[in-house]
Amino acid sequence: MSAIKVTVLTRKDWQTYQAVRLMSLQDSPDSFGSTFEQESNLTSAQWANRLGSSDHNKYLLPLIAEIDGVPLGLAFGVHRHCDDATAHVYQMWVSPKARGQGVAKRLLEYIITWARTNKLNTILLDVTTSNLIAVNLYQAVGFEFCGQIAPLRAKSKLSTQGMALTL
């Protein structure tokens, strides 16, 4: 098995981010609140802006995971407010080619380390309740269910539930 390399994306990496994000939305449309149709209409400036500014290391952690130089995983760590000690995980996805190789766990470990370094005490995420592989991964890392079950998006038959990891 080849080594998994996790890299923090910057604004200049917007095209890589765009390609992997759109792949994730096509491959796993039931895992995200957004859709391929919505995000495929974003401009290059909008893609770049999603990757933050110069202080993104403290508040935004856009990650890409690669194996042999091929981007095969994506995750975002977000710390929304300086007066809040909570981080959030968004856009977690691993290509079918790399599933079962530890990519998602490596992305989560990177976010957990970042959150601890920034003295945050909780990490929150939402998971599609029918995605048992994701649920099992998050539970194996230490996340526990919290909050109410909610629709994935308007008019969706799928549900999501929050999960929290106390650091």
C-alpha atoms as a PDB file:
ATOM      1  CA  MET A   1       0.000   0.000   0.000  1.00  0.00           C
ATOM      2  CA  SER A   2       1.305   3.441  -0.913  1.00  0.00           C
ATOM      3  CA  ALA A   3       1.659   6.230   1.610  1.00  0.00           C
ATOM      4  CA  ILE A   4      -1.211   8.652   2.126  1.00  0.00           C
ATOM      5  CA  LYS A   5      -0.114  12.269   1.863  1.00  0.00           C
ATOM      6  CA  VAL A   6      -2.382  14.930   3.412  1.00  0.00           C
ATOM      7  CA  THR A   7      -1.909  18.512   2.232  1.00  0.00           C
ATOM      8  CA  VAL A   8      -3.520  21.777   3.294  1.00  0.00           C
ATOM      9  CA  LEU A   9      -4.993  23.491   0.243  1.00  0.00           C
ATOM     10  CA  THR A  10      -4.429  27.184  -0.457  1.00  0.00           C
ATOM     11  CA  ARG A  11      -6.197  29.555  -2.833  1.00  0.00           C
ATOM     12  CA  LYS A  12      -3.798  28.635  -5.622  1.00  0.00           C
ATOM     13  CA  ASP A  13      -5.031  25.025  -5.367  1.00  0.00           C
ATOM     14  CA  TRP A  14      -8.611  25.921  -6.289  1.00  0.00           C
ATOM     15  CA  GLN A  15      -8.634  23.812  -9.472  1.00  0.00           C
ATOM     16  CA  THR A  16      -7.587  20.672  -7.602  1.00  0.00           C
ATOM     17  CA  TYR A  17     -10.175  21.408  -4.935  1.00  0.00           C
ATOM     18  CA  GLN A  18     -12.854  22.011  -7.572  1.00  0.00           C
ATOM     19  CA  ALA A  19     -12.089  18.737  -9.360  1.00  0.00           C
ATOM     20  CA  VAL A  20     -12.137  16.621  -6.193  1.00  0.00           C
ATOM     21  CA  ARG A  21     -15.192  18.351  -4.732  1.00  0.00           C
ATOM     22  CA  LEU A  22     -17.194  17.860  -7.920  1.00  0.00           C
ATOM     23  CA  MET A  23     -16.068  14.211  -8.059  1.00  0.00           C
ATOM     24  CA  SER A  24     -17.288  13.762  -4.497  1.00  0.00           C
ATOM     25  CA  LEU A  25     -20.689  15.252  -5.281  1.00  0.00           C
ATOM     26  CA  GLN A  26     -21.094  13.007  -8.315  1.00  0.00           C
ATOM     27  CA  ASP A  27     -19.896   9.867  -6.548  1.00  0.00           C
ATOM     28  CA  SER A  28     -21.739  10.337  -3.246  1.00  0.00           C
ATOM     29  CA  PRO A  29     -24.677  12.716  -3.766  1.00  0.00           C
ATOM     30  CA  ASP A  30     -26.455  11.379  -0.667  1.00  0.00           C
ATOM     31  CA  SER A  31     -23.583  12.367   1.616  1.00  0.00           C
ATOM     32  CA  PHE A  32     -23.737  16.126   1.220  1.00  0.00           C
ATOM     33  CA  GLY A  33     -26.191  18.950   1.770  1.00  0.00           C
ATOM     34  CA  SER A  34     -25.064  20.539  -1.484  1.00  0.00           C
ATOM     35  CA  THR A  35     -25.417  19.065  -4.972  1.00  0.00           C
ATOM     36  CA  PHE A  36     -23.259  18.706  -8.064  1.00  0.00           C
ATOM     37  CA  GLU A  37     -25.696  20.937  -9.942  1.00  0.00           C
ATOM     38  CA  GLN A  38     -25.335  23.732  -7.381  1.00  0.00           C
ATOM     39  CA  GLU A  39     -21.563  23.644  -7.135  1.00  0.00           C
ATOM     40  CA  SER A  40     -20.744  23.050 -10.799  1.00  0.00           C
ATOM     41  CA  ASN A  41     -21.997  26.596 -11.447  1.00  0.00           C
ATOM     42  CA  LEU A  42     -19.468  28.272  -9.130  1.00  0.00           C
ATOM     43  CA  THR A  43     -16.926  30.652 -10.654  1.00  0.00           C
ATOM     44  CA  SER A  44     -13.166  30.251 -10.305  1.00  0.00           C
ATOM     45  CA  ALA A  45     -13.171  33.142  -7.813  1.00  0.00           C
ATOM     46  CA  GLN A  46     -15.812  31.395  -5.704  1.00  0.00           C
ATOM     47  CA  TRP A  47     -13.771  28.173  -5.659  1.00  0.00           C
ATOM     48  CA  ALA A  48     -10.640  30.090  -4.622  1.00  0.00           C
ATOM     49  CA  ASN A  49     -12.538  32.021  -1.932  1.00  0.00           C
ATOM     50  CA  ARG A  50     -13.675  28.766  -0.351  1.00  0.00           C
ATOM     51  CA  LEU A  51     -10.036  27.991   0.393  1.00  0.00           C
ATOM     52  CA  GLY A  52      -9.710  31.011   2.645  1.00  0.00           C
ATOM     53  CA  SER A  53      -7.257  33.784   3.194  1.00  0.00           C
ATOM     54  CA  SER A  54      -3.881  34.158   4.855  1.00  0.00           C
ATOM     55  CA  ASP A  55      -5.244  33.378   8.329  1.00  0.00           C
ATOM     56  CA  HIS A  56      -6.943  30.197   7.175  1.00  0.00           C
ATOM     57  CA  ASN A  57      -4.613  28.005   9.252  1.00  0.00           C
ATOM     58  CA  LYS A  58      -6.468  29.019  12.424  1.00  0.00           C
ATOM     59  CA  TYR A  59     -10.047  29.028  11.137  1.00  0.00           C
ATOM     60  CA  LEU A  60     -10.132  26.936   7.979  1.00  0.00           C
ATOM     61  CA  LEU A  61      -8.371  23.685   7.221  1.00  0.00           C
ATOM     62  CA  PRO A  62      -9.102  22.520   3.655  1.00  0.00           C
ATOM     63  CA  LEU A  63      -7.409  19.163   3.170  1.00  0.00           C
ATOM     64  CA  ILE A  64      -6.689  16.914   0.239  1.00  0.00           C
ATOM     65  CA  ALA A  65      -5.410  13.361   0.584  1.00  0.00           C
ATOM     66  CA  GLU A  66      -3.245  11.866  -2.147  1.00  0.00           C
ATOM     67  CA  ILE A  67      -1.882   8.450  -2.882  1.00  0.00           C
ATOM     68  CA  ASP A  68       0.963   8.363  -5.429  1.00  0.00           C
ATOM     69  CA  GLY A  69       0.240  12.003  -6.300  1.00  0.00           C
ATOM     70  CA  VAL A  70      -3.428  11.360  -7.153  1.00  0.00           C
ATOM     71  CA  PRO A  71      -6.009  13.321  -5.102  1.00  0.00           C
ATOM     72  CA  LEU A  72      -8.362  10.716  -3.644  1.00  0.00           C
ATOM     73  CA  GLY A  73      -9.801  12.331  -0.520  1.00  0.00           C
ATOM     74  CA  LEU A  74     -11.144  15.635   0.755  1.00  0.00           C
ATOM     75  CA  ALA A  75     -12.150  17.117   4.105  1.00  0.00           C
ATOM     76  CA  PHE A  76     -12.586  20.561   5.627  1.00  0.00           C
ATOM     77  CA  GLY A  77     -11.975  21.511   9.223  1.00  0.00           C
ATOM     78  CA  VAL A  78     -13.703  24.774  10.130  1.00  0.00           C
ATOM     79  CA  HIS A  79     -13.465  26.876  13.277  1.00  0.00           C
ATOM     80  CA  ARG A  80     -16.185  29.490  12.836  1.00  0.00           C
ATOM     81  CA  HIS A  81     -15.673  31.945  15.694  1.00  0.00           C
ATOM     82  CA  CYS A  82     -12.668  32.908  17.767  1.00  0.00           C
ATOM     83  CA  ASP A  83     -14.806  32.889  20.928  1.00  0.00           C
ATOM     84  CA  ASP A  84     -16.057  29.339  20.294  1.00  0.00           C
ATOM     85  CA  ALA A  85     -13.978  26.258  21.084  1.00  0.00           C
ATOM     86  CA  THR A  86     -15.731  24.079  18.498  1.00  0.00           C
ATOM     87  CA  ALA A  87     -14.474  22.830  15.147  1.00  0.00           C
ATOM     88  CA  HIS A  88     -16.622  21.328  12.407  1.00  0.00           C
ATOM     89  CA  VAL A  89     -15.877  18.719   9.745  1.00  0.00           C
ATOM     90  CA  TYR A  90     -17.355  19.268   6.294  1.00  0.00           C
ATOM     91  CA  GLN A  91     -17.022  17.726   2.839  1.00  0.00           C
ATOM     92  CA  MET A  92     -15.478  14.458   4.047  1.00  0.00           C
ATOM     93  CA  TRP A  93     -15.098  12.146   1.047  1.00  0.00           C
ATOM     94  CA  VAL A  94     -12.811   9.383  -0.172  1.00  0.00           C
ATOM     95  CA  SER A  95     -12.734   8.078  -3.742  1.00  0.00           C
ATOM     96  CA  PRO A  96     -14.012   4.529  -4.206  1.00  0.00           C
ATOM     97  CA  LYS A  97     -10.480   3.691  -5.473  1.00  0.00           C
ATOM     98  CA  ALA A  98      -9.030   4.479  -2.036  1.00  0.00           C
ATOM     99  CA  ARG A  99     -11.740   3.361   0.372  1.00  0.00           C
ATOM    100  CA  GLY A 100     -10.627   0.940   3.044  1.00  0.00           C
ATOM    101  CA  GLN A 101      -7.018   2.197   2.918  1.00  0.00           C
ATOM    102  CA  GLY A 102      -7.196   4.568   5.894  1.00  0.00           C
ATOM    103  CA  VAL A 103      -7.606   7.810   3.942  1.00  0.00           C
ATOM    104  CA  ALA A 104     -10.677   9.049   5.848  1.00  0.00           C
ATOM    105  CA  LYS A 105      -9.073   8.191   9.184  1.00  0.00           C
ATOM    106  CA  ARG A 106      -5.909  10.066   8.214  1.00  0.00           C
ATOM    107  CA  LEU A 107      -7.961  13.139   7.240  1.00  0.00           C
ATOM    108  CA  LEU A 108      -9.819  13.009  10.562  1.00  0.00           C
ATOM    109  CA  GLU A 109      -6.569  12.618  12.500  1.00  0.00           C
ATOM    110  CA  TYR A 110      -5.194  15.720  10.786  1.00  0.00           C
ATOM    111  CA  ILE A 111      -8.316  17.712  11.729  1.00  0.00           C
ATOM    112  CA  ILE A 112      -8.204  16.419  15.319  1.00  0.00           C
ATOM    113  CA  THR A 113      -4.548  17.445  15.666  1.00  0.00           C
ATOM    114  CA  TRP A 114      -5.336  20.889  14.197  1.00  0.00           C
ATOM    115  CA  ALA A 115      -8.248  21.344  16.612  1.00  0.00           C
ATOM    116  CA  ARG A 116      -6.113  20.372  19.604  1.00  0.00           C
ATOM    117  CA  THR A 117      -3.294  22.690  18.469  1.00  0.00           C
ATOM    118  CA  ASN A 118      -5.826  25.529  18.330  1.00  0.00           C
ATOM    119  CA  LYS A 119      -7.064  24.605  21.834  1.00  0.00           C
ATOM    120  CA  LEU A 120     -10.539  23.644  20.650  1.00  0.00           C
ATOM    121  CA  ASN A 121     -12.482  21.191  22.800  1.00  0.00           C
ATOM    122  CA  THR A 122     -15.135  19.696  20.512  1.00  0.00           C
ATOM    123  CA  ILE A 123     -15.409  18.623  16.881  1.00  0.00           C
ATOM    124  CA  LEU A 124     -18.866  18.369  15.313  1.00  0.00           C
ATOM    125  CA  LEU A 125     -20.022  16.830  12.054  1.00  0.00           C
ATOM    126  CA  ASP A 126     -23.212  15.620  10.428  1.00  0.00           C
ATOM    127  CA  VAL A 127     -23.489  12.167   8.895  1.00  0.00           C
ATOM    128  CA  THR A 128     -26.129  10.659   6.646  1.00  0.00           C
ATOM    129  CA  THR A 129     -27.739   8.111   8.952  1.00  0.00           C
ATOM    130  CA  SER A 130     -27.926   5.429   6.247  1.00  0.00           C
ATOM    131  CA  ASN A 131     -24.162   5.667   5.541  1.00  0.00           C
ATOM    132  CA  LEU A 132     -23.143   2.989   8.022  1.00  0.00           C
ATOM    133  CA  ILE A 133     -19.522   2.908   6.842  1.00  0.00           C
ATOM    134  CA  ALA A 134     -19.141   6.599   7.708  1.00  0.00           C
ATOM    135  CA  VAL A 135     -21.029   6.198  10.991  1.00  0.00           C
ATOM    136  CA  ASN A 136     -18.769   3.296  11.983  1.00  0.00           C
ATOM    137  CA  LEU A 137     -15.623   5.250  11.074  1.00  0.00           C
ATOM    138  CA  TYR A 138     -16.663   8.258  13.133  1.00  0.00           C
ATOM    139  CA  GLN A 139     -17.594   6.071  16.095  1.00  0.00           C
ATOM    140  CA  ALA A 140     -14.260   4.210  15.864  1.00  0.00           C
ATOM    141  CA  VAL A 141     -12.441   7.550  16.124  1.00  0.00           C
ATOM    142  CA  GLY A 142     -14.557   8.496  19.175  1.00  0.00           C
ATOM    143  CA  PHE A 143     -17.456  10.526  17.812  1.00  0.00           C
ATOM    144  CA  GLU A 144     -20.840  10.048  19.486  1.00  0.00           C
ATOM    145  CA  PHE A 145     -24.311  10.915  18.241  1.00  0.00           C
ATOM    146  CA  CYS A 146     -25.744  14.233  19.398  1.00  0.00           C
ATOM    147  CA  GLY A 147     -28.644  16.467  18.469  1.00  0.00           C
ATOM    148  CA  GLN A 148     -31.712  15.760  16.432  1.00  0.00           C
ATOM    149  CA  ILE A 149     -32.114  13.823  13.212  1.00  0.00           C
ATOM    150  CA  ALA A 150     -32.806  16.218  10.321  1.00  0.00           C
ATOM    151  CA  PRO A 151     -33.402  15.965   6.568  1.00  0.00           C
ATOM    152  CA  LEU A 152     -30.258  15.892   4.426  1.00  0.00           C
ATOM    153  CA  ARG A 153     -31.669  18.795   2.412  1.00  0.00           C
ATOM    154  CA  ALA A 154     -35.107  20.178   1.611  1.00  0.00           C
ATOM    155  CA  LYS A 155     -37.501  17.481   0.357  1.00  0.00           C
ATOM    156  CA  SER A 156     -34.924  14.720   0.890  1.00  0.00           C
ATOM    157  CA  LYS A 157     -36.007  11.317   2.172  1.00  0.00           C
ATOM    158  CA  LEU A 158     -32.535  10.880   3.688  1.00  0.00           C
ATOM    159  CA  SER A 159     -31.645  12.023   7.196  1.00  0.00           C
ATOM    160  CA  THR A 160     -28.538  13.299   8.904  1.00  0.00           C
ATOM    161  CA  GLN A 161     -27.544  13.300  12.523  1.00  0.00           C
ATOM    162  CA  GLY A 162     -24.909  15.259  14.347  1.00  0.00           C
ATOM    163  CA  MET A 163     -21.922  13.579  15.924  1.00  0.00           C
ATOM    164  CA  ALA A 164     -19.468  15.086  18.399  1.00  0.00           C
ATOM    165  CA  LEU A 165     -15.952  14.284  19.505  1.00  0.00           C
ATOM    166  CA  THR A 166     -14.829  15.728  22.817  1.00  0.00           C
ATOM    167  CA  LEU A 167     -11.108  16.474  22.812  1.00  0.00           C
END
